[in-house]
Amino acid sequence: SLPRVVKCELPPCPNVVDCFISRPTEKTIFTLFMVVT
């Protein structure tokens, strides 16, 4: 599954930043479908 928001603190990020994934629910559904098949 893919979360909606992930937290990243890797350099060169100045601090802990929030990153947003595009269409996580739709991607999770397709991933589960491929896993089941």
PDB file of all heavy atoms in Angstrom:
ATOM      1  N   SER A   1       0.842  -1.201   0.000  1.00  0.00           N
ATOM      2  CA  SER A   1       0.000   0.000   0.000  1.00  0.00           C
ATOM      3  C   SER A   1       0.874   1.247   0.000  1.00  0.00           C
ATOM      4  O   SER A   1       2.035   1.219   0.416  1.00  0.00           O
ATOM      5  CB  SER A   1      -0.922   0.015   1.219  1.00  0.00           C
ATOM      6  OG  SER A   1      -0.174   0.039   2.416  1.00  0.00           O
ATOM      7  N   LEU A   2       0.285   2.343  -0.465  1.00  0.00           N
ATOM      8  CA  LEU A   2       0.982   3.623  -0.516  1.00  0.00           C
ATOM      9  C   LEU A   2       0.294   4.616   0.400  1.00  0.00           C
ATOM     10  O   LEU A   2      -0.922   4.816   0.302  1.00  0.00           O
ATOM     11  CB  LEU A   2       0.987   4.170  -1.948  1.00  0.00           C
ATOM     12  CG  LEU A   2       1.754   3.345  -2.988  1.00  0.00           C
ATOM     13  CD1 LEU A   2       1.559   3.951  -4.366  1.00  0.00           C
ATOM     14  CD2 LEU A   2       3.224   3.282  -2.641  1.00  0.00           C
ATOM     15  N   PRO A   3       1.035   5.257   1.297  1.00  0.00           N
ATOM     16  CA  PRO A   3       0.428   6.272   2.162  1.00  0.00           C
ATOM     17  C   PRO A   3       0.180   7.564   1.408  1.00  0.00           C
ATOM     18  O   PRO A   3       0.753   7.804   0.343  1.00  0.00           O
ATOM     19  CB  PRO A   3       1.487   6.459   3.255  1.00  0.00           C
ATOM     20  CG  PRO A   3       2.785   6.145   2.569  1.00  0.00           C
ATOM     21  CD  PRO A   3       2.461   5.063   1.574  1.00  0.00           C
ATOM     22  N   ARG A   4      -0.682   8.391   1.962  1.00  0.00           N
ATOM     23  CA  ARG A   4      -0.955   9.687   1.338  1.00  0.00           C
ATOM     24  C   ARG A   4       0.179  10.678   1.571  1.00  0.00           C
ATOM     25  O   ARG A   4       0.500  11.484   0.705  1.00  0.00           O
ATOM     26  CB  ARG A   4      -2.279  10.258   1.865  1.00  0.00           C
ATOM     27  CG  ARG A   4      -3.505   9.521   1.363  1.00  0.00           C
ATOM     28  CD  ARG A   4      -4.778  10.146   1.937  1.00  0.00           C
ATOM     29  NE  ARG A   4      -5.968   9.563   1.323  1.00  0.00           N
ATOM     30  CZ  ARG A   4      -6.524   8.431   1.697  1.00  0.00           C
ATOM     31  NH1 ARG A   4      -5.988   7.747   2.707  1.00  0.00           N
ATOM     32  NH2 ARG A   4      -7.591   7.959   1.072  1.00  0.00           N
ATOM     33  N   VAL A   5       0.770  10.602   2.769  1.00  0.00           N
ATOM     34  CA  VAL A   5       1.830  11.534   3.137  1.00  0.00           C
ATOM     35  C   VAL A   5       3.006  10.732   3.696  1.00  0.00           C
ATOM     36  O   VAL A   5       2.821   9.788   4.469  1.00  0.00           O
ATOM     37  CB  VAL A   5       1.352  12.541   4.200  1.00  0.00           C
ATOM     38  CG1 VAL A   5       2.471  13.528   4.535  1.00  0.00           C
ATOM     39  CG2 VAL A   5       0.112  13.280   3.730  1.00  0.00           C
ATOM     40  N   VAL A   6       4.213  11.102   3.270  1.00  0.00           N
ATOM     41  CA  VAL A   6       5.425  10.500   3.820  1.00  0.00           C
ATOM     42  C   VAL A   6       6.318  11.623   4.334  1.00  0.00           C
ATOM     43  O   VAL A   6       6.335  12.717   3.775  1.00  0.00           O
ATOM     44  CB  VAL A   6       6.171   9.665   2.755  1.00  0.00           C
ATOM     45  CG1 VAL A   6       5.376   8.430   2.376  1.00  0.00           C
ATOM     46  CG2 VAL A   6       6.490  10.484   1.516  1.00  0.00           C
ATOM     47  N   LYS A   7       7.029  11.335   5.399  1.00  0.00           N
ATOM     48  CA  LYS A   7       7.924  12.329   5.996  1.00  0.00           C
ATOM     49  C   LYS A   7       9.358  12.005   5.609  1.00  0.00           C
ATOM     50  O   LYS A   7       9.797  10.865   5.712  1.00  0.00           O
ATOM     51  CB  LYS A   7       7.761  12.354   7.515  1.00  0.00           C
ATOM     52  CG  LYS A   7       6.374  12.819   7.948  1.00  0.00           C
ATOM     53  CD  LYS A   7       6.289  12.971   9.451  1.00  0.00           C
ATOM     54  CE  LYS A   7       4.911  13.462   9.890  1.00  0.00           C
ATOM     55  NZ  LYS A   7       4.603  14.803   9.341  1.00  0.00           N
ATOM     56  N   CYS A   8      10.070  13.028   5.190  1.00  0.00           N
ATOM     57  CA  CYS A   8      11.433  12.855   4.679  1.00  0.00           C
ATOM     58  C   CYS A   8      12.354  13.849   5.376  1.00  0.00           C
ATOM     59  O   CYS A   8      12.022  15.027   5.493  1.00  0.00           O
ATOM     60  CB  CYS A   8      11.444  13.051   3.161  1.00  0.00           C
ATOM     61  SG  CYS A   8      13.066  12.879   2.405  1.00  0.00           S
ATOM     62  N   GLU A   9      13.503  13.357   5.803  1.00  0.00           N
ATOM     63  CA  GLU A   9      14.502  14.234   6.434  1.00  0.00           C
ATOM     64  C   GLU A   9      15.901  13.954   5.885  1.00  0.00           C
ATOM     65  O   GLU A   9      16.890  14.084   6.587  1.00  0.00           O
ATOM     66  CB  GLU A   9      14.472  14.060   7.957  1.00  0.00           C
ATOM     67  CG  GLU A   9      14.594  12.615   8.428  1.00  0.00           C
ATOM     68  CD  GLU A   9      14.499  12.503   9.942  1.00  0.00           C
ATOM     69  OE1 GLU A   9      14.737  13.533  10.620  1.00  0.00           O
ATOM     70  OE2 GLU A   9      14.196  11.410  10.440  1.00  0.00           O
ATOM     71  N   LEU A  10      15.973  13.528   4.660  1.00  0.00           N
ATOM     72  CA  LEU A  10      17.260  13.238   4.046  1.00  0.00           C
ATOM     73  C   LEU A  10      17.903  14.520   3.533  1.00  0.00           C
ATOM     74  O   LEU A  10      17.219  15.437   3.095  1.00  0.00           O
ATOM     75  CB  LEU A  10      17.063  12.262   2.876  1.00  0.00           C
ATOM     76  CG  LEU A  10      16.474  10.889   3.231  1.00  0.00           C
ATOM     77  CD1 LEU A  10      16.151  10.120   1.961  1.00  0.00           C
ATOM     78  CD2 LEU A  10      17.451  10.097   4.093  1.00  0.00           C
ATOM     79  N   PRO A  11      19.228  14.615   3.595  1.00  0.00           N
ATOM     80  CA  PRO A  11      19.892  15.780   2.993  1.00  0.00           C
ATOM     81  C   PRO A  11      19.720  15.739   1.482  1.00  0.00           C
ATOM     82  O   PRO A  11      19.685  14.650   0.894  1.00  0.00           O
ATOM     83  CB  PRO A  11      21.362  15.589   3.398  1.00  0.00           C
ATOM     84  CG  PRO A  11      21.514  14.127   3.714  1.00  0.00           C
ATOM     85  CD  PRO A  11      20.170  13.685   4.226  1.00  0.00           C
ATOM     86  N   PRO A  12      19.510  16.872   0.837  1.00  0.00           N
ATOM     87  CA  PRO A  12      19.703  18.264   1.305  1.00  0.00           C
ATOM     88  C   PRO A  12      18.455  18.919   1.893  1.00  0.00           C
ATOM     89  O   PRO A  12      18.368  20.152   1.918  1.00  0.00           O
ATOM     90  CB  PRO A  12      20.100  18.974   0.013  1.00  0.00           C
ATOM     91  CG  PRO A  12      19.314  18.256  -1.040  1.00  0.00           C
ATOM     92  CD  PRO A  12      19.260  16.826  -0.613  1.00  0.00           C
ATOM     93  N   CYS A  13      17.450  18.145   2.342  1.00  0.00           N
ATOM     94  CA  CYS A  13      16.265  18.757   2.949  1.00  0.00           C
ATOM     95  C   CYS A  13      16.671  19.490   4.228  1.00  0.00           C
ATOM     96  O   CYS A  13      17.421  18.948   5.055  1.00  0.00           O
ATOM     97  CB  CYS A  13      15.225  17.694   3.254  1.00  0.00           C
ATOM     98  SG  CYS A  13      14.640  16.802   1.786  1.00  0.00           S
ATOM     99  N   PRO A  14      16.194  20.693   4.444  1.00  0.00           N
ATOM    100  CA  PRO A  14      16.624  21.488   5.602  1.00  0.00           C
ATOM    101  C   PRO A  14      16.109  20.930   6.923  1.00  0.00           C
ATOM    102  O   PRO A  14      16.719  21.132   7.971  1.00  0.00           O
ATOM    103  CB  PRO A  14      16.048  22.881   5.321  1.00  0.00           C
ATOM    104  CG  PRO A  14      14.868  22.614   4.428  1.00  0.00           C
ATOM    105  CD  PRO A  14      15.245  21.427   3.598  1.00  0.00           C
ATOM    106  N   ASN A  15      14.969  20.241   6.900  1.00  0.00           N
ATOM    107  CA  ASN A  15      14.385  19.658   8.104  1.00  0.00           C
ATOM    108  C   ASN A  15      13.430  18.553   7.668  1.00  0.00           C
ATOM    109  O   ASN A  15      13.447  18.112   6.523  1.00  0.00           O
ATOM    110  CB  ASN A  15      13.651  20.741   8.925  1.00  0.00           C
ATOM    111  CG  ASN A  15      12.758  21.596   8.038  1.00  0.00           C
ATOM    112  OD1 ASN A  15      12.128  21.091   7.104  1.00  0.00           O
ATOM    113  ND2 ASN A  15      12.724  22.897   8.295  1.00  0.00           N
ATOM    114  N   VAL A  16      12.591  18.096   8.591  1.00  0.00           N
ATOM    115  CA  VAL A  16      11.607  17.065   8.249  1.00  0.00           C
ATOM    116  C   VAL A  16      10.517  17.703   7.391  1.00  0.00           C
ATOM    117  O   VAL A  16       9.856  18.657   7.817  1.00  0.00           O
ATOM    118  CB  VAL A  16      10.990  16.442   9.519  1.00  0.00           C
ATOM    119  CG1 VAL A  16       9.940  15.400   9.127  1.00  0.00           C
ATOM    120  CG2 VAL A  16      12.067  15.806  10.378  1.00  0.00           C
ATOM    121  N   VAL A  17      10.348  17.181   6.175  1.00  0.00           N
ATOM    122  CA  VAL A  17       9.361  17.740   5.250  1.00  0.00           C
ATOM    123  C   VAL A  17       8.303  16.685   4.949  1.00  0.00           C
ATOM    124  O   VAL A  17       8.561  15.485   4.994  1.00  0.00           O
ATOM    125  CB  VAL A  17      10.026  18.217   3.946  1.00  0.00           C
ATOM    126  CG1 VAL A  17      11.027  19.318   4.218  1.00  0.00           C
ATOM    127  CG2 VAL A  17      10.713  17.065   3.230  1.00  0.00           C
ATOM    128  N   ASP A  18       7.107  17.174   4.660  1.00  0.00           N
ATOM    129  CA  ASP A  18       6.007  16.299   4.261  1.00  0.00           C
ATOM    130  C   ASP A  18       5.967  16.216   2.733  1.00  0.00           C
ATOM    131  O   ASP A  18       5.991  17.244   2.049  1.00  0.00           O
ATOM    132  CB  ASP A  18       4.670  16.826   4.784  1.00  0.00           C
ATOM    133  CG  ASP A  18       4.596  16.780   6.299  1.00  0.00           C
ATOM    134  OD1 ASP A  18       5.247  15.898   6.895  1.00  0.00           O
ATOM    135  OD2 ASP A  18       3.894  17.623   6.889  1.00  0.00           O
ATOM    136  N   CYS A  19       5.871  14.989   2.226  1.00  0.00           N
ATOM    137  CA  CYS A  19       5.773  14.772   0.786  1.00  0.00           C
ATOM    138  C   CYS A  19       4.470  14.043   0.490  1.00  0.00           C
ATOM    139  O   CYS A  19       4.070  13.131   1.230  1.00  0.00           O
ATOM    140  CB  CYS A  19       6.964  13.961   0.269  1.00  0.00           C
ATOM    141  SG  CYS A  19       8.560  14.795   0.451  1.00  0.00           S
ATOM    142  N   PHE A  20       3.819  14.450  -0.581  1.00  0.00           N
ATOM    143  CA  PHE A  20       2.489  13.946  -0.904  1.00  0.00           C
ATOM    144  C   PHE A  20       2.548  13.131  -2.199  1.00  0.00           C
ATOM    145  O   PHE A  20       3.075  13.596  -3.212  1.00  0.00           O
ATOM    146  CB  PHE A  20       1.506  15.116  -1.043  1.00  0.00           C
ATOM    147  CG  PHE A  20       1.452  15.986   0.172  1.00  0.00           C
ATOM    148  CD1 PHE A  20       2.310  17.081   0.300  1.00  0.00           C
ATOM    149  CD2 PHE A  20       0.575  15.709   1.207  1.00  0.00           C
ATOM    150  CE1 PHE A  20       2.282  17.876   1.428  1.00  0.00           C
ATOM    151  CE2 PHE A  20       0.535  16.505   2.337  1.00  0.00           C
ATOM    152  CZ  PHE A  20       1.391  17.591   2.459  1.00  0.00           C
ATOM    153  N   ILE A  21       2.009  11.932  -2.142  1.00  0.00           N
ATOM    154  CA  ILE A  21       1.999  11.015  -3.283  1.00  0.00           C
ATOM    155  C   ILE A  21       0.732  11.232  -4.092  1.00  0.00           C
ATOM    156  O   ILE A  21      -0.359  11.395  -3.535  1.00  0.00           O
ATOM    157  CB  ILE A  21       2.095   9.555  -2.793  1.00  0.00           C
ATOM    158  CG1 ILE A  21       3.409   9.350  -2.027  1.00  0.00           C
ATOM    159  CG2 ILE A  21       1.997   8.574  -3.947  1.00  0.00           C
ATOM    160  CD1 ILE A  21       3.530   7.983  -1.393  1.00  0.00           C
ATOM    161  N   SER A  22       0.874  11.208  -5.396  1.00  0.00           N
ATOM    162  CA  SER A  22      -0.268  11.408  -6.286  1.00  0.00           C
ATOM    163  C   SER A  22      -1.135  10.150  -6.344  1.00  0.00           C
ATOM    164  O   SER A  22      -0.629   9.045  -6.557  1.00  0.00           O
ATOM    165  CB  SER A  22       0.234  11.760  -7.690  1.00  0.00           C
ATOM    166  OG  SER A  22      -0.815  11.733  -8.630  1.00  0.00           O
ATOM    167  N   ARG A  23      -2.435  10.293  -6.152  1.00  0.00           N
ATOM    168  CA  ARG A  23      -3.437   9.236  -6.258  1.00  0.00           C
ATOM    169  C   ARG A  23      -3.027   7.941  -5.539  1.00  0.00           C
ATOM    170  O   ARG A  23      -2.952   6.869  -6.130  1.00  0.00           O
ATOM    171  CB  ARG A  23      -3.722   8.934  -7.731  1.00  0.00           C
ATOM    172  CG  ARG A  23      -4.340  10.108  -8.469  1.00  0.00           C
ATOM    173  CD  ARG A  23      -4.760   9.729  -9.871  1.00  0.00           C
ATOM    174  NE  ARG A  23      -3.631   9.597 -10.758  1.00  0.00           N
ATOM    175  CZ  ARG A  23      -3.734   9.373 -12.073  1.00  0.00           C
ATOM    176  NH1 ARG A  23      -4.918   9.246 -12.630  1.00  0.00           N
ATOM    177  NH2 ARG A  23      -2.668   9.269 -12.834  1.00  0.00           N
ATOM    178  N   PRO A  24      -2.749   8.007  -4.241  1.00  0.00           N
ATOM    179  CA  PRO A  24      -2.281   6.815  -3.525  1.00  0.00           C
ATOM    180  C   PRO A  24      -3.332   5.709  -3.442  1.00  0.00           C
ATOM    181  O   PRO A  24      -2.993   4.525  -3.502  1.00  0.00           O
ATOM    182  CB  PRO A  24      -1.923   7.350  -2.135  1.00  0.00           C
ATOM    183  CG  PRO A  24      -2.752   8.578  -1.975  1.00  0.00           C
ATOM    184  CD  PRO A  24      -2.862   9.177  -3.335  1.00  0.00           C
ATOM    185  N   THR A  25      -4.621   6.081  -3.282  1.00  0.00           N
ATOM    186  CA  THR A  25      -5.667   5.057  -3.175  1.00  0.00           C
ATOM    187  C   THR A  25      -5.791   4.263  -4.472  1.00  0.00           C
ATOM    188  O   THR A  25      -5.866   3.028  -4.454  1.00  0.00           O
ATOM    189  CB  THR A  25      -7.014   5.715  -2.825  1.00  0.00           C
ATOM    190  OG1 THR A  25      -6.876   6.462  -1.612  1.00  0.00           O
ATOM    191  CG2 THR A  25      -8.091   4.655  -2.644  1.00  0.00           C
ATOM    192  N   GLU A  26      -5.811   4.958  -5.591  1.00  0.00           N
ATOM    193  CA  GLU A  26      -5.924   4.277  -6.883  1.00  0.00           C
ATOM    194  C   GLU A  26      -4.716   3.374  -7.133  1.00  0.00           C
ATOM    195  O   GLU A  26      -4.859   2.241  -7.614  1.00  0.00           O
ATOM    196  CB  GLU A  26      -6.046   5.320  -7.991  1.00  0.00           C
ATOM    197  CG  GLU A  26      -6.367   4.744  -9.359  1.00  0.00           C
ATOM    198  CD  GLU A  26      -6.584   5.828 -10.398  1.00  0.00           C
ATOM    199  OE1 GLU A  26      -6.383   7.018 -10.068  1.00  0.00           O
ATOM    200  OE2 GLU A  26      -6.950   5.481 -11.530  1.00  0.00           O
ATOM    201  N   LYS A  27      -3.543   3.849  -6.784  1.00  0.00           N
ATOM    202  CA  LYS A  27      -2.343   3.043  -6.981  1.00  0.00           C
ATOM    203  C   LYS A  27      -2.330   1.825  -6.064  1.00  0.00           C
ATOM    204  O   LYS A  27      -1.887   0.739  -6.463  1.00  0.00           O
ATOM    205  CB  LYS A  27      -1.104   3.907  -6.748  1.00  0.00           C
ATOM    206  CG  LYS A  27      -0.915   4.979  -7.813  1.00  0.00           C
ATOM    207  CD  LYS A  27       0.267   5.868  -7.514  1.00  0.00           C
ATOM    208  CE  LYS A  27       0.430   6.929  -8.602  1.00  0.00           C
ATOM    209  NZ  LYS A  27       1.537   7.873  -8.342  1.00  0.00           N
ATOM    210  N   THR A  28      -2.821   1.986  -4.850  1.00  0.00           N
ATOM    211  CA  THR A  28      -2.897   0.851  -3.930  1.00  0.00           C
ATOM    212  C   THR A  28      -3.864  -0.205  -4.448  1.00  0.00           C
ATOM    213  O   THR A  28      -3.583  -1.416  -4.376  1.00  0.00           O
ATOM    214  CB  THR A  28      -3.345   1.327  -2.537  1.00  0.00           C
ATOM    215  OG1 THR A  28      -2.370   2.251  -2.021  1.00  0.00           O
ATOM    216  CG2 THR A  28      -3.470   0.154  -1.583  1.00  0.00           C
ATOM    217  N   ILE A  29      -5.000   0.220  -5.004  1.00  0.00           N
ATOM    218  CA  ILE A  29      -5.977  -0.729  -5.543  1.00  0.00           C
ATOM    219  C   ILE A  29      -5.364  -1.517  -6.694  1.00  0.00           C
ATOM    220  O   ILE A  29      -5.496  -2.752  -6.767  1.00  0.00           O
ATOM    221  CB  ILE A  29      -7.249   0.011  -5.988  1.00  0.00           C
ATOM    222  CG1 ILE A  29      -7.997   0.558  -4.767  1.00  0.00           C
ATOM    223  CG2 ILE A  29      -8.162  -0.917  -6.802  1.00  0.00           C
ATOM    224  CD1 ILE A  29      -9.172   1.449  -5.124  1.00  0.00           C
ATOM    225  N   PHE A  30      -4.681  -0.843  -7.598  1.00  0.00           N
ATOM    226  CA  PHE A  30      -4.047  -1.542  -8.721  1.00  0.00           C
ATOM    227  C   PHE A  30      -2.954  -2.487  -8.222  1.00  0.00           C
ATOM    228  O   PHE A  30      -2.794  -3.598  -8.747  1.00  0.00           O
ATOM    229  CB  PHE A  30      -3.461  -0.537  -9.711  1.00  0.00           C
ATOM    230  CG  PHE A  30      -4.419  -0.119 -10.778  1.00  0.00           C
ATOM    231  CD1 PHE A  30      -5.112   1.076 -10.681  1.00  0.00           C
ATOM    232  CD2 PHE A  30      -4.655  -0.928 -11.878  1.00  0.00           C
ATOM    233  CE1 PHE A  30      -6.006   1.461 -11.665  1.00  0.00           C
ATOM    234  CE2 PHE A  30      -5.553  -0.547 -12.871  1.00  0.00           C
ATOM    235  CZ  PHE A  30      -6.230   0.652 -12.766  1.00  0.00           C
ATOM    236  N   THR A  31      -2.197  -2.058  -7.223  1.00  0.00           N
ATOM    237  CA  THR A  31      -1.143  -2.910  -6.683  1.00  0.00           C
ATOM    238  C   THR A  31      -1.733  -4.177  -6.080  1.00  0.00           C
ATOM    239  O   THR A  31      -1.235  -5.292  -6.317  1.00  0.00           O
ATOM    240  CB  THR A  31      -0.332  -2.144  -5.628  1.00  0.00           C
ATOM    241  OG1 THR A  31       0.245  -0.971  -6.215  1.00  0.00           O
ATOM    242  CG2 THR A  31       0.782  -3.016  -5.072  1.00  0.00           C
ATOM    243  N   LEU A  32      -2.787  -4.042  -5.283  1.00  0.00           N
ATOM    244  CA  LEU A  32      -3.428  -5.212  -4.681  1.00  0.00           C
ATOM    245  C   LEU A  32      -4.026  -6.125  -5.747  1.00  0.00           C
ATOM    246  O   LEU A  32      -3.977  -7.357  -5.624  1.00  0.00           O
ATOM    247  CB  LEU A  32      -4.508  -4.764  -3.693  1.00  0.00           C
ATOM    248  CG  LEU A  32      -3.998  -4.054  -2.433  1.00  0.00           C
ATOM    249  CD1 LEU A  32      -5.171  -3.595  -1.572  1.00  0.00           C
ATOM    250  CD2 LEU A  32      -3.083  -4.976  -1.626  1.00  0.00           C
ATOM    251  N   PHE A  33      -4.583  -5.535  -6.802  1.00  0.00           N
ATOM    252  CA  PHE A  33      -5.137  -6.346  -7.898  1.00  0.00           C
ATOM    253  C   PHE A  33      -4.037  -7.176  -8.545  1.00  0.00           C
ATOM    254  O   PHE A  33      -4.215  -8.386  -8.797  1.00  0.00           O
ATOM    255  CB  PHE A  33      -5.793  -5.436  -8.934  1.00  0.00           C
ATOM    256  CG  PHE A  33      -6.338  -6.171 -10.130  1.00  0.00           C
ATOM    257  CD1 PHE A  33      -7.590  -6.743 -10.085  1.00  0.00           C
ATOM    258  CD2 PHE A  33      -5.583  -6.285 -11.286  1.00  0.00           C
ATOM    259  CE1 PHE A  33      -8.090  -7.424 -11.191  1.00  0.00           C
ATOM    260  CE2 PHE A  33      -6.070  -6.964 -12.387  1.00  0.00           C
ATOM    261  CZ  PHE A  33      -7.330  -7.535 -12.337  1.00  0.00           C
ATOM    262  N   MET A  34      -2.899  -6.559  -8.827  1.00  0.00           N
ATOM    263  CA  MET A  34      -1.796  -7.297  -9.442  1.00  0.00           C
ATOM    264  C   MET A  34      -1.232  -8.340  -8.492  1.00  0.00           C
ATOM    265  O   MET A  34      -0.828  -9.437  -8.921  1.00  0.00           O
ATOM    266  CB  MET A  34      -0.699  -6.321  -9.870  1.00  0.00           C
ATOM    267  CG  MET A  34      -1.125  -5.331 -10.945  1.00  0.00           C
ATOM    268  SD  MET A  34      -1.531  -6.104 -12.528  1.00  0.00           S
ATOM    269  CE  MET A  34       0.093  -6.313 -13.237  1.00  0.00           C
ATOM    270  N   VAL A  35      -1.211  -8.054  -7.198  1.00  0.00           N
ATOM    271  CA  VAL A  35      -0.720  -9.021  -6.221  1.00  0.00           C
ATOM    272  C   VAL A  35      -1.646 -10.241  -6.163  1.00  0.00           C
ATOM    273  O   VAL A  35      -1.187 -11.391  -6.136  1.00  0.00           O
ATOM    274  CB  VAL A  35      -0.592  -8.360  -4.833  1.00  0.00           C
ATOM    275  CG1 VAL A  35      -0.394  -9.411  -3.748  1.00  0.00           C
ATOM    276  CG2 VAL A  35       0.583  -7.383  -4.823  1.00  0.00           C
ATOM    277  N   VAL A  36      -2.955 -10.011  -6.140  1.00  0.00           N
ATOM    278  CA  VAL A  36      -3.916 -11.116  -6.085  1.00  0.00           C
ATOM    279  C   VAL A  36      -3.817 -11.988  -7.331  1.00  0.00           C
ATOM    280  O   VAL A  36      -3.784 -13.224  -7.247  1.00  0.00           O
ATOM    281  CB  VAL A  36      -5.351 -10.571  -5.903  1.00  0.00           C
ATOM    282  CG1 VAL A  36      -6.374 -11.688  -6.082  1.00  0.00           C
ATOM    283  CG2 VAL A  36      -5.512  -9.948  -4.525  1.00  0.00           C
ATOM    284  N   THR A  37      -3.764 -11.370  -8.514  1.00  0.00           N
ATOM    285  CA  THR A  37      -3.655 -12.152  -9.744  1.00  0.00           C
ATOM    286  C   THR A  37      -2.324 -12.916  -9.796  1.00  0.00           C
ATOM    287  O   THR A  37      -2.279 -14.053 -10.295  1.00  0.00           O
ATOM    288  CB  THR A  37      -3.786 -11.255 -10.976  1.00  0.00           C
ATOM    289  OG1 THR A  37      -2.839 -10.172 -10.887  1.00  0.00           O
ATOM    290  CG2 THR A  37      -5.182 -10.687 -11.091  1.00  0.00           C
TER     291      THR A  37
END
